[in-house]
Structure formats: structure tokens, C-alpha cells
Protein backbone atom coordinates (compact mmCIF):
# COMPACT_ATOMS: atom_id res chain seq x y z
CA MET A 1 87.69 130.02 93.19
CA GLU A 2 89.40 126.65 93.35
CA GLN A 3 91.99 125.97 90.61
CA LYS A 4 92.60 122.58 89.13
CA PRO A 5 96.12 121.39 88.33
CA PHE A 6 97.14 122.31 84.84
CA ARG A 7 96.13 120.00 82.00
CA GLY A 8 99.67 118.74 81.37
CA LEU A 9 99.96 117.33 84.90
CA ARG A 10 96.65 115.50 84.62
CA LEU A 11 97.73 114.02 81.29
CA LEU A 12 101.08 113.02 82.76
CA ILE A 13 99.34 111.23 85.70
CA ALA A 14 96.92 109.48 83.37
CA ALA A 15 99.77 108.37 81.12
CA PHE A 16 101.74 107.11 84.11
CA LEU A 17 98.69 105.07 85.25
CA GLY A 18 98.34 103.61 81.74
CA VAL A 19 102.00 102.63 81.54
CA ALA A 20 101.85 101.07 85.07
CA ALA A 21 98.75 99.08 84.05
CA LEU A 22 100.46 97.87 80.84
CA PHE A 23 103.54 96.84 82.80
CA MET A 24 101.39 94.87 85.28
CA ILE A 25 99.37 93.28 82.46
CA GLY A 26 102.58 92.28 80.58
CA ASN A 27 104.05 90.82 83.71
CA MET A 28 100.85 88.94 84.48
CA VAL A 29 100.75 87.43 80.95
CA ILE A 30 104.47 86.51 80.84
CA MET A 31 104.43 84.90 84.31
CA ARG A 32 100.98 83.34 83.74
CA GLU A 33 99.95 84.31 87.26
CA PRO A 34 96.53 85.96 87.68
CA LEU A 35 95.51 88.11 90.67
CA THR A 36 94.98 86.06 93.80
CA PHE A 37 91.29 86.51 94.41
CA SER A 38 88.23 84.60 93.30
CA VAL A 39 86.31 84.95 90.04
CA LEU A 40 83.42 86.60 91.91
CA TRP A 41 85.70 89.34 93.18
CA HIS A 42 87.16 89.81 89.63
CA TRP A 43 83.61 90.54 88.39
CA VAL A 44 82.81 92.79 91.39
CA PHE A 45 85.98 94.86 90.63
CA ILE A 46 85.34 94.93 86.88
CA ILE A 47 81.82 96.33 87.45
CA GLY A 48 83.18 98.82 89.97
CA PHE A 49 85.97 100.01 87.70
CA LEU A 50 83.56 100.40 84.79
CA ALA A 51 81.24 102.49 86.98
CA ILE A 52 84.23 104.60 88.07
CA SER A 53 85.25 105.09 84.40
CA PHE A 54 81.80 106.12 83.27
CA ILE A 55 81.25 108.50 86.22
CA ASN A 56 84.63 110.17 85.66
CA LEU A 57 84.12 110.21 81.87
CA ARG A 58 80.90 112.20 82.34
CA ALA A 59 82.77 114.53 84.75
CA LYS A 60 85.58 114.85 82.23
CA SER A 61 88.21 113.74 84.71
CA PHE A 62 91.28 112.34 82.96
CA VAL A 63 92.82 110.83 86.10
CA GLY A 64 89.63 109.22 87.34
CA THR A 65 88.93 107.73 83.92
CA ALA A 66 92.50 106.45 83.69
CA ILE A 67 92.14 104.78 87.14
CA GLY A 68 88.92 103.10 86.10
CA LEU A 69 90.17 101.90 82.75
CA SER A 70 93.49 100.70 84.14
CA GLY A 71 91.79 98.70 86.88
CA PHE A 72 89.29 97.31 84.36
CA ALA A 73 92.10 96.20 82.01
CA ILE A 74 94.09 94.58 84.84
CA CYS A 75 91.09 92.63 86.22
CA LEU A 76 89.97 91.53 82.72
CA THR A 77 93.47 90.36 81.87
CA SER A 78 93.62 88.44 85.13
CA LEU A 79 90.36 86.65 84.26
CA ILE A 80 91.75 85.77 80.84
CA VAL A 81 95.02 84.46 82.32
CA MET A 82 93.03 82.48 84.91
CA ALA A 83 90.98 80.88 82.10
CA LEU A 84 94.15 79.82 80.24
């Protein structure tokens, strides 16, 4: 039987991803520099990250959900910074 890493490690990885995303979002807002790809690609990535989030949420995967939500937040913030 395959064992998954213990719950604490998964929560630690998810928390690290969240902190990294918040750092990137804060830096993006302070510097007023969005990501360097077009609006179309922002929407493609937003849809992709939302799909990843929902798939991993159903599978109850903390790390996968954290990856999806972090990517979604970064792309959405980039769109907002681009609009300003």
C-alpha cells in the first residue's frame, strides 16, 4: 500500500505556496508591473488554475489546491495591475 506524506508536510507545503504567492502579489502591486504576457494568456491561465483547483479540491489534495489557488490569485492580480 502506498503511503502519502504526513498531513503536516502537506500543510507546510501549501502554506509555503500561499506565502510565496502573497509575496509575488505584493511585489507586483508595489512595483506596478504585471506579468509579461497578453490578456488572452492571463484568461487561459486563470481558467486552467481554476480547473486545477476544483479537480484537486474534489480529490482533497491540499498541495494541488494551493497550487491552483496561488496561480489564480497571481494571474488575477496581474490583470488588475495591468488595468490600472
